[in-house]
Amino acid sequence: MMSGGIDESYLNYHAIIKETPEGIIYAKEYILKDYQEYFDVIPCLGE
């Protein structure tokens, strides 16, 4: 274990950086009255 309490095995990863083709990104902002409404909105986005 490293000083500061971080497990060294947690830091053992390999990043792979890839280029992706240009594409359209979708963004939408919602103001929801509560967390439950989140579950009503998200499935509709996939349709």
PDB file of N, CA and C in Angstrom:
ATOM      1  N   MET A   1       0.850  -1.194   0.000  1.00  0.00           N
ATOM      2  CA  MET A   1       0.000   0.000   0.000  1.00  0.00           C
ATOM      3  C   MET A   1       0.885   1.245   0.000  1.00  0.00           C
ATOM      4  N   MET A   2       0.518   2.235  -0.754  1.00  0.00           N
ATOM      5  CA  MET A   2       1.261   3.489  -0.829  1.00  0.00           C
ATOM      6  C   MET A   2       0.897   4.373   0.341  1.00  0.00           C
ATOM      7  N   SER A   3       1.737   5.353   0.614  1.00  0.00           N
ATOM      8  CA  SER A   3       1.379   6.315   1.642  1.00  0.00           C
ATOM      9  C   SER A   3       0.157   7.094   1.185  1.00  0.00           C
ATOM     10  N   GLY A   4      -0.744   7.397   2.072  1.00  0.00           N
ATOM     11  CA  GLY A   4      -1.981   8.067   1.710  1.00  0.00           C
ATOM     12  C   GLY A   4      -3.134   7.087   1.583  1.00  0.00           C
ATOM     13  N   GLY A   5      -2.861   5.787   1.719  1.00  0.00           N
ATOM     14  CA  GLY A   5      -3.920   4.797   1.747  1.00  0.00           C
ATOM     15  C   GLY A   5      -4.435   4.334   0.400  1.00  0.00           C
ATOM     16  N   ILE A   6      -3.741   4.610  -0.713  1.00  0.00           N
ATOM     17  CA  ILE A   6      -4.199   4.176  -2.030  1.00  0.00           C
ATOM     18  C   ILE A   6      -3.561   2.831  -2.352  1.00  0.00           C
ATOM     19  N   ASP A   7      -4.368   1.861  -2.715  1.00  0.00           N
ATOM     20  CA  ASP A   7      -3.885   0.538  -3.082  1.00  0.00           C
ATOM     21  C   ASP A   7      -3.185   0.621  -4.439  1.00  0.00           C
ATOM     22  N   GLU A   8      -1.926   0.154  -4.505  1.00  0.00           N
ATOM     23  CA  GLU A   8      -1.148   0.246  -5.745  1.00  0.00           C
ATOM     24  C   GLU A   8      -1.778  -0.538  -6.883  1.00  0.00           C
ATOM     25  N   SER A   9      -2.463  -1.645  -6.614  1.00  0.00           N
ATOM     26  CA  SER A   9      -3.075  -2.428  -7.682  1.00  0.00           C
ATOM     27  C   SER A   9      -4.180  -1.644  -8.382  1.00  0.00           C
ATOM     28  N   TYR A  10      -4.790  -0.700  -7.682  1.00  0.00           N
ATOM     29  CA  TYR A  10      -5.807   0.160  -8.272  1.00  0.00           C
ATOM     30  C   TYR A  10      -5.203   1.036  -9.365  1.00  0.00           C
ATOM     31  N   LEU A  11      -3.935   1.381  -9.234  1.00  0.00           N
ATOM     32  CA  LEU A  11      -3.274   2.269 -10.186  1.00  0.00           C
ATOM     33  C   LEU A  11      -2.660   1.515 -11.354  1.00  0.00           C
ATOM     34  N   ASN A  12      -2.792   0.204 -11.401  1.00  0.00           N
ATOM     35  CA  ASN A  12      -2.194  -0.608 -12.454  1.00  0.00           C
ATOM     36  C   ASN A  12      -3.168  -0.740 -13.626  1.00  0.00           C
ATOM     37  N   TYR A  13      -3.144   0.209 -14.552  1.00  0.00           N
ATOM     38  CA  TYR A  13      -4.015   0.185 -15.714  1.00  0.00           C
ATOM     39  C   TYR A  13      -3.237   0.688 -16.927  1.00  0.00           C
ATOM     40  N   HIS A  14      -3.744   0.403 -18.115  1.00  0.00           N
ATOM     41  CA  HIS A  14      -3.117   0.840 -19.357  1.00  0.00           C
ATOM     42  C   HIS A  14      -4.156   1.565 -20.201  1.00  0.00           C
ATOM     43  N   ALA A  15      -3.917   2.812 -20.474  1.00  0.00           N
ATOM     44  CA  ALA A  15      -4.837   3.604 -21.296  1.00  0.00           C
ATOM     45  C   ALA A  15      -4.542   3.346 -22.772  1.00  0.00           C
ATOM     46  N   ILE A  16      -5.591   3.217 -23.553  1.00  0.00           N
ATOM     47  CA  ILE A  16      -5.459   3.082 -25.001  1.00  0.00           C
ATOM     48  C   ILE A  16      -6.168   4.273 -25.628  1.00  0.00           C
ATOM     49  N   ILE A  17      -5.438   5.051 -26.381  1.00  0.00           N
ATOM     50  CA  ILE A  17      -5.996   6.238 -27.025  1.00  0.00           C
ATOM     51  C   ILE A  17      -6.203   5.921 -28.501  1.00  0.00           C
ATOM     52  N   LYS A  18      -7.436   6.092 -28.960  1.00  0.00           N
ATOM     53  CA  LYS A  18      -7.764   5.812 -30.353  1.00  0.00           C
ATOM     54  C   LYS A  18      -8.439   7.027 -30.964  1.00  0.00           C
ATOM     55  N   GLU A  19      -8.193   7.227 -32.249  1.00  0.00           N
ATOM     56  CA  GLU A  19      -8.902   8.277 -32.968  1.00  0.00           C
ATOM     57  C   GLU A  19     -10.208   7.693 -33.490  1.00  0.00           C
ATOM     58  N   THR A  20     -11.255   8.470 -33.414  1.00  0.00           N
ATOM     59  CA  THR A  20     -12.556   8.023 -33.912  1.00  0.00           C
ATOM     60  C   THR A  20     -12.992   8.948 -35.038  1.00  0.00           C
ATOM     61  N   PRO A  21     -13.820   8.452 -35.943  1.00  0.00           N
ATOM     62  CA  PRO A  21     -14.283   9.308 -37.034  1.00  0.00           C
ATOM     63  C   PRO A  21     -15.181  10.427 -36.505  1.00  0.00           C
ATOM     64  N   GLU A  22     -15.249  11.486 -37.273  1.00  0.00           N
ATOM     65  CA  GLU A  22     -16.087  12.612 -36.903  1.00  0.00           C
ATOM     66  C   GLU A  22     -17.549  12.165 -36.871  1.00  0.00           C
ATOM     67  N   GLY A  23     -18.289  12.672 -35.923  1.00  0.00           N
ATOM     68  CA  GLY A  23     -19.690  12.281 -35.831  1.00  0.00           C
ATOM     69  C   GLY A  23     -20.514  13.358 -35.159  1.00  0.00           C
ATOM     70  N   ILE A  24     -21.799  13.156 -35.157  1.00  0.00           N
ATOM     71  CA  ILE A  24     -22.718  14.098 -34.522  1.00  0.00           C
ATOM     72  C   ILE A  24     -22.887  13.706 -33.066  1.00  0.00           C
ATOM     73  N   ILE A  25     -22.792  14.667 -32.192  1.00  0.00           N
ATOM     74  CA  ILE A  25     -22.982  14.458 -30.760  1.00  0.00           C
ATOM     75  C   ILE A  25     -24.308  15.090 -30.363  1.00  0.00           C
ATOM     76  N   TYR A  26     -25.067  14.370 -29.581  1.00  0.00           N
ATOM     77  CA  TYR A  26     -26.370  14.855 -29.132  1.00  0.00           C
ATOM     78  C   TYR A  26     -26.235  15.381 -27.715  1.00  0.00           C
ATOM     79  N   ALA A  27     -26.790  16.543 -27.475  1.00  0.00           N
ATOM     80  CA  ALA A  27     -26.801  17.113 -26.129  1.00  0.00           C
ATOM     81  C   ALA A  27     -28.156  17.756 -25.884  1.00  0.00           C
ATOM     82  N   LYS A  28     -28.657  17.588 -24.689  1.00  0.00           N
ATOM     83  CA  LYS A  28     -29.947  18.171 -24.323  1.00  0.00           C
ATOM     84  C   LYS A  28     -29.891  18.459 -22.837  1.00  0.00           C
ATOM     85  N   GLU A  29     -30.441  19.572 -22.445  1.00  0.00           N
ATOM     86  CA  GLU A  29     -30.467  19.945 -21.036  1.00  0.00           C
ATOM     87  C   GLU A  29     -31.894  19.842 -20.517  1.00  0.00           C
ATOM     88  N   TYR A  30     -32.035  19.213 -19.390  1.00  0.00           N
ATOM     89  CA  TYR A  30     -33.332  19.075 -18.742  1.00  0.00           C
ATOM     90  C   TYR A  30     -33.269  19.638 -17.341  1.00  0.00           C
ATOM     91  N   ILE A  31     -34.355  20.197 -16.897  1.00  0.00           N
ATOM     92  CA  ILE A  31     -34.512  20.574 -15.492  1.00  0.00           C
ATOM     93  C   ILE A  31     -35.605  19.675 -14.947  1.00  0.00           C
ATOM     94  N   LEU A  32     -35.218  18.792 -14.048  1.00  0.00           N
ATOM     95  CA  LEU A  32     -36.137  17.805 -13.511  1.00  0.00           C
ATOM     96  C   LEU A  32     -36.559  18.194 -12.100  1.00  0.00           C
ATOM     97  N   LYS A  33     -37.799  17.879 -11.767  1.00  0.00           N
ATOM     98  CA  LYS A  33     -38.294  18.244 -10.438  1.00  0.00           C
ATOM     99  C   LYS A  33     -37.770  17.317  -9.354  1.00  0.00           C
ATOM    100  N   ASP A  34     -37.446  16.060  -9.726  1.00  0.00           N
ATOM    101  CA  ASP A  34     -36.884  15.126  -8.750  1.00  0.00           C
ATOM    102  C   ASP A  34     -36.122  14.021  -9.472  1.00  0.00           C
ATOM    103  N   TYR A  35     -35.427  13.187  -8.707  1.00  0.00           N
ATOM    104  CA  TYR A  35     -34.599  12.128  -9.273  1.00  0.00           C
ATOM    105  C   TYR A  35     -35.433  11.098 -10.016  1.00  0.00           C
ATOM    106  N   GLN A  36     -36.621  10.813  -9.566  1.00  0.00           N
ATOM    107  CA  GLN A  36     -37.483   9.831 -10.208  1.00  0.00           C
ATOM    108  C   GLN A  36     -37.825  10.233 -11.649  1.00  0.00           C
ATOM    109  N   GLU A  37     -37.970  11.510 -11.897  1.00  0.00           N
ATOM    110  CA  GLU A  37     -38.280  11.987 -13.243  1.00  0.00           C
ATOM    111  C   GLU A  37     -37.156  11.663 -14.228  1.00  0.00           C
ATOM    112  N   TYR A  38     -35.958  11.527 -13.730  1.00  0.00           N
ATOM    113  CA  TYR A  38     -34.803  11.132 -14.541  1.00  0.00           C
ATOM    114  C   TYR A  38     -35.082   9.808 -15.255  1.00  0.00           C
ATOM    115  N   PHE A  39     -35.721   8.860 -14.570  1.00  0.00           N
ATOM    116  CA  PHE A  39     -36.009   7.546 -15.150  1.00  0.00           C
ATOM    117  C   PHE A  39     -37.124   7.604 -16.185  1.00  0.00           C
ATOM    118  N   ASP A  40     -37.900   8.660 -16.198  1.00  0.00           N
ATOM    119  CA  ASP A  40     -38.916   8.846 -17.229  1.00  0.00           C
ATOM    120  C   ASP A  40     -38.306   9.462 -18.487  1.00  0.00           C
ATOM    121  N   VAL A  41     -37.321  10.310 -18.331  1.00  0.00           N
ATOM    122  CA  VAL A  41     -36.723  11.053 -19.448  1.00  0.00           C
ATOM    123  C   VAL A  41     -35.697  10.209 -20.205  1.00  0.00           C
ATOM    124  N   ILE A  42     -34.842   9.512 -19.518  1.00  0.00           N
ATOM    125  CA  ILE A  42     -33.730   8.790 -20.161  1.00  0.00           C
ATOM    126  C   ILE A  42     -34.207   7.751 -21.183  1.00  0.00           C
ATOM    127  N   PRO A  43     -35.193   6.890 -20.884  1.00  0.00           N
ATOM    128  CA  PRO A  43     -35.628   5.923 -21.912  1.00  0.00           C
ATOM    129  C   PRO A  43     -36.155   6.592 -23.182  1.00  0.00           C
ATOM    130  N   CYS A  44     -36.768   7.732 -23.065  1.00  0.00           N
ATOM    131  CA  CYS A  44     -37.303   8.445 -24.234  1.00  0.00           C
ATOM    132  C   CYS A  44     -36.195   8.913 -25.170  1.00  0.00           C
ATOM    133  N   LEU A  45     -35.030   9.179 -24.626  1.00  0.00           N
ATOM    134  CA  LEU A  45     -33.919   9.657 -25.458  1.00  0.00           C
ATOM    135  C   LEU A  45     -33.458   8.587 -26.439  1.00  0.00           C
ATOM    136  N   GLY A  46     -33.630   7.313 -26.101  1.00  0.00           N
ATOM    137  CA  GLY A  46     -33.192   6.244 -26.974  1.00  0.00           C
ATOM    138  C   GLY A  46     -34.138   5.954 -28.122  1.00  0.00           C
ATOM    139  N   GLU A  47     -35.326   6.531 -28.099  1.00  0.00           N
ATOM    140  CA  GLU A  47     -36.317   6.223 -29.138  1.00  0.00           C
ATOM    141  C   GLU A  47     -36.094   6.985 -30.422  1.00  0.00           C
TER     142      GLU A  47
END
